[in-house]
Amino acid sequence: MAQKLTIDEIMEKEFHVDFKGYEALEVDQFLDEVIQDYNYFTELIKEQQELLKRYEDSLAQQKRVILELEGKSRNQSNQVPSQFSHVDILKRISRLEEVVFKDNK
């Protein structure tokens, strides 16, 4: 939905006076309130758009960092293949200790 009225259009609006027309002061006061609301909502929309832009920029930065870290992780896993788990290494150390200490007895 597009905005139909601007603040200037509201301020410059003139009503035709009829025999049983509205009181001009009342109409002016009401239009002043409408203008204040327009100003408030215009500022609110502007702030929200700026906030959204900051969030989108932050999200894009975080996505770049994630991609960079994933790339580094892939490079590291390709460079040093992990053939053994920690449990396998502990079992091997335990067996080596048994052999070493059996020979010393």
PDB file of N, CA and C in Angstrom:
ATOM      1  N   MET A   1       0.846  -1.181   0.000  1.00  0.00           N
ATOM      2  CA  MET A   1       0.000   0.000   0.000  1.00  0.00           C
ATOM      3  C   MET A   1       0.883   1.232   0.000  1.00  0.00           C
ATOM      4  N   ALA A   2       0.691   2.103  -0.925  1.00  0.00           N
ATOM      5  CA  ALA A   2       1.492   3.306  -1.050  1.00  0.00           C
ATOM      6  C   ALA A   2       0.863   4.443  -0.254  1.00  0.00           C
ATOM      7  N   GLN A   3       1.693   5.336   0.173  1.00  0.00           N
ATOM      8  CA  GLN A   3       1.229   6.507   0.920  1.00  0.00           C
ATOM      9  C   GLN A   3       0.488   7.439  -0.030  1.00  0.00           C
ATOM     10  N   LYS A   4      -0.718   7.836   0.352  1.00  0.00           N
ATOM     11  CA  LYS A   4      -1.536   8.675  -0.522  1.00  0.00           C
ATOM     12  C   LYS A   4      -1.353  10.157  -0.257  1.00  0.00           C
ATOM     13  N   LEU A   5      -1.090  10.518   0.990  1.00  0.00           N
ATOM     14  CA  LEU A   5      -0.966  11.924   1.362  1.00  0.00           C
ATOM     15  C   LEU A   5       0.406  12.215   1.937  1.00  0.00           C
ATOM     16  N   THR A   6       0.892  13.384   1.616  1.00  0.00           N
ATOM     17  CA  THR A   6       2.128  13.840   2.244  1.00  0.00           C
ATOM     18  C   THR A   6       1.767  14.881   3.297  1.00  0.00           C
ATOM     19  N   ILE A   7       2.727  15.232   4.116  1.00  0.00           N
ATOM     20  CA  ILE A   7       2.499  16.231   5.153  1.00  0.00           C
ATOM     21  C   ILE A   7       2.117  17.563   4.513  1.00  0.00           C
ATOM     22  N   ASP A   8       2.801  17.911   3.451  1.00  0.00           N
ATOM     23  CA  ASP A   8       2.505  19.185   2.771  1.00  0.00           C
ATOM     24  C   ASP A   8       1.088  19.193   2.192  1.00  0.00           C
ATOM     25  N   GLU A   9       0.664  18.077   1.621  1.00  0.00           N
ATOM     26  CA  GLU A   9      -0.686  18.012   1.067  1.00  0.00           C
ATOM     27  C   GLU A   9      -1.746  18.189   2.158  1.00  0.00           C
ATOM     28  N   ILE A  10      -1.475  17.619   3.306  1.00  0.00           N
ATOM     29  CA  ILE A  10      -2.422  17.765   4.415  1.00  0.00           C
ATOM     30  C   ILE A  10      -2.462  19.215   4.886  1.00  0.00           C
ATOM     31  N   MET A  11      -1.276  19.821   5.029  1.00  0.00           N
ATOM     32  CA  MET A  11      -1.223  21.199   5.513  1.00  0.00           C
ATOM     33  C   MET A  11      -1.871  22.175   4.532  1.00  0.00           C
ATOM     34  N   GLU A  12      -1.747  21.921   3.269  1.00  0.00           N
ATOM     35  CA  GLU A  12      -2.244  22.860   2.267  1.00  0.00           C
ATOM     36  C   GLU A  12      -3.686  22.591   1.839  1.00  0.00           C
ATOM     37  N   LYS A  13      -4.278  21.553   2.380  1.00  0.00           N
ATOM     38  CA  LYS A  13      -5.659  21.194   2.003  1.00  0.00           C
ATOM     39  C   LYS A  13      -6.610  22.298   2.455  1.00  0.00           C
ATOM     40  N   GLU A  14      -7.445  22.727   1.556  1.00  0.00           N
ATOM     41  CA  GLU A  14      -8.458  23.731   1.867  1.00  0.00           C
ATOM     42  C   GLU A  14      -9.824  23.116   1.627  1.00  0.00           C
ATOM     43  N   PHE A  15     -10.712  23.344   2.568  1.00  0.00           N
ATOM     44  CA  PHE A  15     -12.062  22.812   2.473  1.00  0.00           C
ATOM     45  C   PHE A  15     -13.001  23.931   2.028  1.00  0.00           C
ATOM     46  N   HIS A  16     -13.940  23.559   1.223  1.00  0.00           N
ATOM     47  CA  HIS A  16     -14.938  24.535   0.789  1.00  0.00           C
ATOM     48  C   HIS A  16     -15.923  24.758   1.930  1.00  0.00           C
ATOM     49  N   VAL A  17     -16.215  26.012   2.159  1.00  0.00           N
ATOM     50  CA  VAL A  17     -17.127  26.365   3.237  1.00  0.00           C
ATOM     51  C   VAL A  17     -18.543  26.380   2.687  1.00  0.00           C
ATOM     52  N   ASP A  18     -19.386  25.650   3.343  1.00  0.00           N
ATOM     53  CA  ASP A  18     -20.792  25.590   2.982  1.00  0.00           C
ATOM     54  C   ASP A  18     -21.576  26.334   4.061  1.00  0.00           C
ATOM     55  N   PHE A  19     -22.837  26.542   3.817  1.00  0.00           N
ATOM     56  CA  PHE A  19     -23.672  27.248   4.775  1.00  0.00           C
ATOM     57  C   PHE A  19     -23.640  26.565   6.138  1.00  0.00           C
ATOM     58  N   LYS A  20     -23.692  25.248   6.130  1.00  0.00           N
ATOM     59  CA  LYS A  20     -23.621  24.489   7.379  1.00  0.00           C
ATOM     60  C   LYS A  20     -22.290  23.730   7.420  1.00  0.00           C
ATOM     61  N   GLY A  21     -21.221  24.412   7.120  1.00  0.00           N
ATOM     62  CA  GLY A  21     -19.910  23.783   7.040  1.00  0.00           C
ATOM     63  C   GLY A  21     -19.290  23.527   8.410  1.00  0.00           C
ATOM     64  N   TYR A  22     -18.118  22.909   8.363  1.00  0.00           N
ATOM     65  CA  TYR A  22     -17.382  22.604   9.582  1.00  0.00           C
ATOM     66  C   TYR A  22     -16.688  23.853  10.086  1.00  0.00           C
ATOM     67  N   GLU A  23     -16.400  23.837  11.394  1.00  0.00           N
ATOM     68  CA  GLU A  23     -15.673  24.954  11.984  1.00  0.00           C
ATOM     69  C   GLU A  23     -14.208  24.832  11.565  1.00  0.00           C
ATOM     70  N   ALA A  24     -13.692  25.869  10.959  1.00  0.00           N
ATOM     71  CA  ALA A  24     -12.338  25.844  10.402  1.00  0.00           C
ATOM     72  C   ALA A  24     -11.285  25.559  11.472  1.00  0.00           C
ATOM     73  N   LEU A  25     -11.424  26.093  12.655  1.00  0.00           N
ATOM     74  CA  LEU A  25     -10.452  25.877  13.726  1.00  0.00           C
ATOM     75  C   LEU A  25     -10.393  24.408  14.133  1.00  0.00           C
ATOM     76  N   GLU A  26     -11.558  23.770  14.208  1.00  0.00           N
ATOM     77  CA  GLU A  26     -11.609  22.346  14.546  1.00  0.00           C
ATOM     78  C   GLU A  26     -10.908  21.505  13.480  1.00  0.00           C
ATOM     79  N   VAL A  27     -11.168  21.803  12.230  1.00  0.00           N
ATOM     80  CA  VAL A  27     -10.546  21.068  11.122  1.00  0.00           C
ATOM     81  C   VAL A  27      -9.037  21.270  11.167  1.00  0.00           C
ATOM     82  N   ASP A  28      -8.595  22.490  11.380  1.00  0.00           N
ATOM     83  CA  ASP A  28      -7.155  22.772  11.444  1.00  0.00           C
ATOM     84  C   ASP A  28      -6.489  22.010  12.594  1.00  0.00           C
ATOM     85  N   GLN A  29      -7.142  21.988  13.748  1.00  0.00           N
ATOM     86  CA  GLN A  29      -6.569  21.263  14.890  1.00  0.00           C
ATOM     87  C   GLN A  29      -6.479  19.769  14.593  1.00  0.00           C
ATOM     88  N   PHE A  30      -7.513  19.245  13.980  1.00  0.00           N
ATOM     89  CA  PHE A  30      -7.490  17.823  13.638  1.00  0.00           C
ATOM     90  C   PHE A  30      -6.380  17.520  12.627  1.00  0.00           C
ATOM     91  N   LEU A  31      -6.260  18.360  11.622  1.00  0.00           N
ATOM     92  CA  LEU A  31      -5.215  18.150  10.614  1.00  0.00           C
ATOM     93  C   LEU A  31      -3.827  18.287  11.235  1.00  0.00           C
ATOM     94  N   ASP A  32      -3.665  19.166  12.218  1.00  0.00           N
ATOM     95  CA  ASP A  32      -2.383  19.271  12.926  1.00  0.00           C
ATOM     96  C   ASP A  32      -2.042  17.963  13.630  1.00  0.00           C
ATOM     97  N   GLU A  33      -3.043  17.322  14.228  1.00  0.00           N
ATOM     98  CA  GLU A  33      -2.818  16.025  14.882  1.00  0.00           C
ATOM     99  C   GLU A  33      -2.450  14.960  13.853  1.00  0.00           C
ATOM    100  N   VAL A  34      -3.129  14.987  12.709  1.00  0.00           N
ATOM    101  CA  VAL A  34      -2.813  14.025  11.642  1.00  0.00           C
ATOM    102  C   VAL A  34      -1.373  14.224  11.176  1.00  0.00           C
ATOM    103  N   ILE A  35      -0.951  15.466  11.032  1.00  0.00           N
ATOM    104  CA  ILE A  35       0.421  15.766  10.603  1.00  0.00           C
ATOM    105  C   ILE A  35       1.422  15.257  11.627  1.00  0.00           C
ATOM    106  N   GLN A  36       1.121  15.433  12.906  1.00  0.00           N
ATOM    107  CA  GLN A  36       2.021  14.931  13.944  1.00  0.00           C
ATOM    108  C   GLN A  36       2.151  13.413  13.856  1.00  0.00           C
ATOM    109  N   ASP A  37       1.026  12.744  13.610  1.00  0.00           N
ATOM    110  CA  ASP A  37       1.078  11.291  13.440  1.00  0.00           C
ATOM    111  C   ASP A  37       1.911  10.909  12.217  1.00  0.00           C
ATOM    112  N   TYR A  38       1.714  11.618  11.130  1.00  0.00           N
ATOM    113  CA  TYR A  38       2.501  11.349   9.924  1.00  0.00           C
ATOM    114  C   TYR A  38       3.982  11.507  10.215  1.00  0.00           C
ATOM    115  N   ASN A  39       4.351  12.587  10.910  1.00  0.00           N
ATOM    116  CA  ASN A  39       5.755  12.800  11.272  1.00  0.00           C
ATOM    117  C   ASN A  39       6.281  11.656  12.127  1.00  0.00           C
ATOM    118  N   TYR A  40       5.499  11.256  13.115  1.00  0.00           N
ATOM    119  CA  TYR A  40       5.903  10.169  14.015  1.00  0.00           C
ATOM    120  C   TYR A  40       6.110   8.873  13.229  1.00  0.00           C
ATOM    121  N   PHE A  41       5.132   8.522  12.394  1.00  0.00           N
ATOM    122  CA  PHE A  41       5.235   7.272  11.644  1.00  0.00           C
ATOM    123  C   PHE A  41       6.343   7.318  10.593  1.00  0.00           C
ATOM    124  N   THR A  42       6.555   8.457   9.996  1.00  0.00           N
ATOM    125  CA  THR A  42       7.642   8.603   9.031  1.00  0.00           C
ATOM    126  C   THR A  42       8.985   8.369   9.707  1.00  0.00           C
ATOM    127  N   GLU A  43       9.167   8.952  10.879  1.00  0.00           N
ATOM    128  CA  GLU A  43      10.413   8.750  11.628  1.00  0.00           C
ATOM    129  C   GLU A  43      10.555   7.304  12.085  1.00  0.00           C
ATOM    130  N   LEU A  44       9.457   6.717  12.530  1.00  0.00           N
ATOM    131  CA  LEU A  44       9.477   5.327  12.983  1.00  0.00           C
ATOM    132  C   LEU A  44       9.860   4.389  11.833  1.00  0.00           C
ATOM    133  N   ILE A  45       9.289   4.607  10.678  1.00  0.00           N
ATOM    134  CA  ILE A  45       9.610   3.784   9.504  1.00  0.00           C
ATOM    135  C   ILE A  45      11.079   3.958   9.132  1.00  0.00           C
ATOM    136  N   LYS A  46      11.561   5.183   9.168  1.00  0.00           N
ATOM    137  CA  LYS A  46      12.965   5.447   8.840  1.00  0.00           C
ATOM    138  C   LYS A  46      13.893   4.721   9.813  1.00  0.00           C
ATOM    139  N   GLU A  47      13.591   4.778  11.115  1.00  0.00           N
ATOM    140  CA  GLU A  47      14.406   4.088  12.115  1.00  0.00           C
ATOM    141  C   GLU A  47      14.388   2.581  11.894  1.00  0.00           C
ATOM    142  N   GLN A  48      13.211   2.037  11.586  1.00  0.00           N
ATOM    143  CA  GLN A  48      13.094   0.595  11.375  1.00  0.00           C
ATOM    144  C   GLN A  48      13.852   0.151  10.121  1.00  0.00           C
ATOM    145  N   GLN A  49      13.830   0.972   9.086  1.00  0.00           N
ATOM    146  CA  GLN A  49      14.577   0.640   7.873  1.00  0.00           C
ATOM    147  C   GLN A  49      16.080   0.651   8.151  1.00  0.00           C
ATOM    148  N   GLU A  50      16.549   1.623   8.946  1.00  0.00           N
ATOM    149  CA  GLU A  50      17.965   1.682   9.295  1.00  0.00           C
ATOM    150  C   GLU A  50      18.356   0.485  10.149  1.00  0.00           C
ATOM    151  N   LEU A  51      17.495   0.114  11.096  1.00  0.00           N
ATOM    152  CA  LEU A  51      17.754  -1.040  11.943  1.00  0.00           C
ATOM    153  C   LEU A  51      17.798  -2.324  11.112  1.00  0.00           C
ATOM    154  N   LEU A  52      16.862  -2.458  10.190  1.00  0.00           N
ATOM    155  CA  LEU A  52      16.845  -3.624   9.308  1.00  0.00           C
ATOM    156  C   LEU A  52      18.122  -3.696   8.478  1.00  0.00           C
ATOM    157  N   LYS A  53      18.566  -2.561   7.959  1.00  0.00           N
ATOM    158  CA  LYS A  53      19.804  -2.533   7.174  1.00  0.00           C
ATOM    159  C   LYS A  53      20.991  -2.978   8.019  1.00  0.00           C
ATOM    160  N   ARG A  54      21.062  -2.503   9.269  1.00  0.00           N
ATOM    161  CA  ARG A  54      22.168  -2.919  10.150  1.00  0.00           C
ATOM    162  C   ARG A  54      22.119  -4.412  10.411  1.00  0.00           C
ATOM    163  N   TYR A  55      20.911  -4.962  10.655  1.00  0.00           N
ATOM    164  CA  TYR A  55      20.778  -6.403  10.881  1.00  0.00           C
ATOM    165  C   TYR A  55      21.167  -7.200   9.636  1.00  0.00           C
ATOM    166  N   GLU A  56      20.758  -6.721   8.479  1.00  0.00           N
ATOM    167  CA  GLU A  56      21.108  -7.426   7.247  1.00  0.00           C
ATOM    168  C   GLU A  56      22.619  -7.383   7.012  1.00  0.00           C
ATOM    169  N   ASP A  57      23.249  -6.240   7.284  1.00  0.00           N
ATOM    170  CA  ASP A  57      24.703  -6.130   7.141  1.00  0.00           C
ATOM    171  C   ASP A  57      25.409  -7.060   8.120  1.00  0.00           C
ATOM    172  N   SER A  58      24.923  -7.104   9.359  1.00  0.00           N
ATOM    173  CA  SER A  58      25.511  -7.977  10.368  1.00  0.00           C
ATOM    174  C   SER A  58      25.350  -9.445   9.972  1.00  0.00           C
ATOM    175  N   LEU A  59      24.191  -9.796   9.466  1.00  0.00           N
ATOM    176  CA  LEU A  59      23.946 -11.169   9.029  1.00  0.00           C
ATOM    177  C   LEU A  59      24.867 -11.543   7.873  1.00  0.00           C
ATOM    178  N   ALA A  60      25.036 -10.636   6.929  1.00  0.00           N
ATOM    179  CA  ALA A  60      25.932 -10.907   5.799  1.00  0.00           C
ATOM    180  C   ALA A  60      27.364 -11.098   6.287  1.00  0.00           C
ATOM    181  N   GLN A  61      27.793 -10.275   7.249  1.00  0.00           N
ATOM    182  CA  GLN A  61      29.139 -10.406   7.811  1.00  0.00           C
ATOM    183  C   GLN A  61      29.295 -11.762   8.507  1.00  0.00           C
ATOM    184  N   GLN A  62      28.296 -12.167   9.269  1.00  0.00           N
ATOM    185  CA  GLN A  62      28.362 -13.455   9.964  1.00  0.00           C
ATOM    186  C   GLN A  62      28.384 -14.612   8.976  1.00  0.00           C
ATOM    187  N   LYS A  63      27.649 -14.494   7.894  1.00  0.00           N
ATOM    188  CA  LYS A  63      27.674 -15.550   6.873  1.00  0.00           C
ATOM    189  C   LYS A  63      29.059 -15.651   6.242  1.00  0.00           C
ATOM    190  N   ARG A  64      29.701 -14.493   5.995  1.00  0.00           N
ATOM    191  CA  ARG A  64      31.060 -14.513   5.440  1.00  0.00           C
ATOM    192  C   ARG A  64      32.032 -15.189   6.406  1.00  0.00           C
ATOM    193  N   VAL A  65      31.896 -14.891   7.696  1.00  0.00           N
ATOM    194  CA  VAL A  65      32.780 -15.492   8.697  1.00  0.00           C
ATOM    195  C   VAL A  65      32.560 -16.999   8.748  1.00  0.00           C
ATOM    196  N   ILE A  66      31.306 -17.426   8.709  1.00  0.00           N
ATOM    197  CA  ILE A  66      30.998 -18.859   8.738  1.00  0.00           C
ATOM    198  C   ILE A  66      31.599 -19.558   7.525  1.00  0.00           C
ATOM    199  N   LEU A  67      31.423 -18.980   6.356  1.00  0.00           N
ATOM    200  CA  LEU A  67      31.997 -19.581   5.148  1.00  0.00           C
ATOM    201  C   LEU A  67      33.517 -19.653   5.229  1.00  0.00           C
ATOM    202  N   GLU A  68      34.120 -18.601   5.760  1.00  0.00           N
ATOM    203  CA  GLU A  68      35.580 -18.588   5.912  1.00  0.00           C
ATOM    204  C   GLU A  68      36.034 -19.673   6.884  1.00  0.00           C
ATOM    205  N   LEU A  69      35.333 -19.803   8.009  1.00  0.00           N
ATOM    206  CA  LEU A  69      35.700 -20.829   8.994  1.00  0.00           C
ATOM    207  C   LEU A  69      35.461 -22.237   8.456  1.00  0.00           C
ATOM    208  N   GLU A  70      34.386 -22.410   7.702  1.00  0.00           N
ATOM    209  CA  GLU A  70      34.134 -23.728   7.103  1.00  0.00           C
ATOM    210  C   GLU A  70      35.232 -24.069   6.106  1.00  0.00           C
ATOM    211  N   GLY A  71      35.674 -23.084   5.342  1.00  0.00           N
ATOM    212  CA  GLY A  71      36.759 -23.316   4.389  1.00  0.00           C
ATOM    213  C   GLY A  71      38.050 -23.695   5.102  1.00  0.00           C
ATOM    214  N   LYS A  72      38.372 -22.984   6.183  1.00  0.00           N
ATOM    215  CA  LYS A  72      39.569 -23.310   6.963  1.00  0.00           C
ATOM    216  C   LYS A  72      39.459 -24.698   7.569  1.00  0.00           C
ATOM    217  N   SER A  73      38.273 -25.037   8.054  1.00  0.00           N
ATOM    218  CA  SER A  73      38.059 -26.353   8.653  1.00  0.00           C
ATOM    219  C   SER A  73      38.258 -27.458   7.618  1.00  0.00           C
ATOM    220  N   ARG A  74      37.738 -27.242   6.414  1.00  0.00           N
ATOM    221  CA  ARG A  74      37.913 -28.228   5.351  1.00  0.00           C
ATOM    222  C   ARG A  74      39.385 -28.376   4.973  1.00  0.00           C
ATOM    223  N   ASN A  75      40.093 -27.251   4.898  1.00  0.00           N
ATOM    224  CA  ASN A  75      41.517 -27.294   4.562  1.00  0.00           C
ATOM    225  C   ASN A  75      42.299 -28.049   5.619  1.00  0.00           C
ATOM    226  N   GLN A  76      42.003 -27.811   6.877  1.00  0.00           N
ATOM    227  CA  GLN A  76      42.713 -28.502   7.947  1.00  0.00           C
ATOM    228  C   GLN A  76      42.404 -29.988   7.952  1.00  0.00           C
ATOM    229  N   SER A  77      41.156 -30.341   7.716  1.00  0.00           N
ATOM    230  CA  SER A  77      40.807 -31.760   7.713  1.00  0.00           C
ATOM    231  C   SER A  77      41.414 -32.463   6.496  1.00  0.00           C
ATOM    232  N   ASN A  78      41.628 -31.738   5.411  1.00  0.00           N
ATOM    233  CA  ASN A  78      42.257 -32.327   4.232  1.00  0.00           C
ATOM    234  C   ASN A  78      43.763 -32.475   4.426  1.00  0.00           C
ATOM    235  N   GLN A  79      44.375 -31.586   5.181  1.00  0.00           N
ATOM    236  CA  GLN A  79      45.818 -31.623   5.381  1.00  0.00           C
ATOM    237  C   GLN A  79      46.233 -32.737   6.347  1.00  0.00           C
ATOM    238  N   VAL A  80      45.521 -32.889   7.433  1.00  0.00           N
ATOM    239  CA  VAL A  80      45.874 -33.896   8.440  1.00  0.00           C
ATOM    240  C   VAL A  80      44.711 -34.865   8.569  1.00  0.00           C
ATOM    241  N   PRO A  81      44.799 -35.980   7.858  1.00  0.00           N
ATOM    242  CA  PRO A  81      43.696 -36.926   7.951  1.00  0.00           C
ATOM    243  C   PRO A  81      43.687 -37.570   9.332  1.00  0.00           C
ATOM    244  N   SER A  82      42.546 -37.584   9.934  1.00  0.00           N
ATOM    245  CA  SER A  82      42.406 -38.172  11.259  1.00  0.00           C
ATOM    246  C   SER A  82      42.029 -39.634  11.087  1.00  0.00           C
ATOM    247  N   GLN A  83      43.059 -40.512  11.188  1.00  0.00           N
ATOM    248  CA  GLN A  83      42.819 -41.935  11.002  1.00  0.00           C
ATOM    249  C   GLN A  83      42.403 -42.605  12.303  1.00  0.00           C
ATOM    250  N   PHE A  84      42.793 -41.988  13.401  1.00  0.00           N
ATOM    251  CA  PHE A  84      42.534 -42.619  14.694  1.00  0.00           C
ATOM    252  C   PHE A  84      41.735 -41.673  15.586  1.00  0.00           C
ATOM    253  N   SER A  85      40.871 -42.258  16.359  1.00  0.00           N
ATOM    254  CA  SER A  85      40.130 -41.455  17.321  1.00  0.00           C
ATOM    255  C   SER A  85      40.945 -41.379  18.609  1.00  0.00           C
ATOM    256  N   HIS A  86      40.519 -40.587  19.519  1.00  0.00           N
ATOM    257  CA  HIS A  86      41.215 -40.458  20.806  1.00  0.00           C
ATOM    258  C   HIS A  86      41.232 -41.781  21.561  1.00  0.00           C
ATOM    259  N   VAL A  87      40.160 -42.526  21.460  1.00  0.00           N
ATOM    260  CA  VAL A  87      40.073 -43.829  22.129  1.00  0.00           C
ATOM    261  C   VAL A  87      41.105 -44.789  21.542  1.00  0.00           C
ATOM    262  N   ASP A  88      41.241 -44.777  20.216  1.00  0.00           N
ATOM    263  CA  ASP A  88      42.240 -45.643  19.564  1.00  0.00           C
ATOM    264  C   ASP A  88      43.645 -45.294  20.027  1.00  0.00           C
ATOM    265  N   ILE A  89      43.932 -44.016  20.115  1.00  0.00           N
ATOM    266  CA  ILE A  89      45.268 -43.580  20.550  1.00  0.00           C
ATOM    267  C   ILE A  89      45.529 -44.006  21.988  1.00  0.00           C
ATOM    268  N   LEU A  90      44.534 -43.862  22.866  1.00  0.00           N
ATOM    269  CA  LEU A  90      44.693 -44.271  24.271  1.00  0.00           C
ATOM    270  C   LEU A  90      44.910 -45.784  24.378  1.00  0.00           C
ATOM    271  N   LYS A  91      44.204 -46.538  23.556  1.00  0.00           N
ATOM    272  CA  LYS A  91      44.400 -47.995  23.569  1.00  0.00           C
ATOM    273  C   LYS A  91      45.819 -48.354  23.129  1.00  0.00           C
ATOM    274  N   ARG A  92      46.338 -47.692  22.124  1.00  0.00           N
ATOM    275  CA  ARG A  92      47.692 -47.965  21.640  1.00  0.00           C
ATOM    276  C   ARG A  92      48.732 -47.609  22.711  1.00  0.00           C
ATOM    277  N   ILE A  93      48.521 -46.491  23.374  1.00  0.00           N
ATOM    278  CA  ILE A  93      49.445 -46.084  24.434  1.00  0.00           C
ATOM    279  C   ILE A  93      49.412 -47.110  25.562  1.00  0.00           C
ATOM    280  N   SER A  94      48.222 -47.576  25.902  1.00  0.00           N
ATOM    281  CA  SER A  94      48.087 -48.585  26.959  1.00  0.00           C
ATOM    282  C   SER A  94      48.834 -49.863  26.585  1.00  0.00           C
ATOM    283  N   ARG A  95      48.696 -50.302  25.355  1.00  0.00           N
ATOM    284  CA  ARG A  95      49.412 -51.514  24.910  1.00  0.00           C
ATOM    285  C   ARG A  95      50.921 -51.312  24.927  1.00  0.00           C
ATOM    286  N   LEU A  96      51.362 -50.152  24.498  1.00  0.00           N
ATOM    287  CA  LEU A  96      52.791 -49.862  24.523  1.00  0.00           C
ATOM    288  C   LEU A  96      53.332 -49.848  25.949  1.00  0.00           C
ATOM    289  N   GLU A  97      52.577 -49.292  26.868  1.00  0.00           N
ATOM    290  CA  GLU A  97      52.996 -49.279  28.271  1.00  0.00           C
ATOM    291  C   GLU A  97      53.111 -50.702  28.817  1.00  0.00           C
ATOM    292  N   GLU A  98      52.134 -51.558  28.456  1.00  0.00           N
ATOM    293  CA  GLU A  98      52.188 -52.950  28.902  1.00  0.00           C
ATOM    294  C   GLU A  98      53.461 -53.617  28.404  1.00  0.00           C
ATOM    295  N   VAL A  99      53.788 -53.409  27.141  1.00  0.00           N
ATOM    296  CA  VAL A  99      54.984 -54.032  26.564  1.00  0.00           C
ATOM    297  C   VAL A  99      56.240 -53.485  27.250  1.00  0.00           C
ATOM    298  N   VAL A 100      56.306 -52.194  27.442  1.00  0.00           N
ATOM    299  CA  VAL A 100      57.491 -51.575  28.040  1.00  0.00           C
ATOM    300  C   VAL A 100      57.668 -52.029  29.493  1.00  0.00           C
ATOM    301  N   PHE A 101      56.603 -52.024  30.253  1.00  0.00           N
ATOM    302  CA  PHE A 101      56.717 -52.385  31.650  1.00  0.00           C
ATOM    303  C   PHE A 101      56.886 -53.879  31.861  1.00  0.00           C
ATOM    304  N   LYS A 102      56.402 -54.720  30.967  1.00  0.00           N
ATOM    305  CA  LYS A 102      56.635 -56.166  31.045  1.00  0.00           C
ATOM    306  C   LYS A 102      58.106 -56.458  30.844  1.00  0.00           C
ATOM    307  N   ASP A 103      58.730 -55.767  29.909  1.00  0.00           N
ATOM    308  CA  ASP A 103      60.130 -55.990  29.615  1.00  0.00           C
ATOM    309  C   ASP A 103      61.015 -55.526  30.750  1.00  0.00           C
ATOM    310  N   ASN A 104      60.607 -54.538  31.522  1.00  0.00           N
ATOM    311  CA  ASN A 104      61.408 -54.019  32.626  1.00  0.00           C
ATOM    312  C   ASN A 104      61.317 -54.876  33.859  1.00  0.00           C
ATOM    313  N   LYS A 105      60.333 -55.762  33.978  1.00  0.00           N
ATOM    314  CA  LYS A 105      60.163 -56.582  35.172  1.00  0.00           C
ATOM    315  C   LYS A 105      61.097 -57.704  35.211  1.00  0.00           C
TER     316      LYS A 105
END
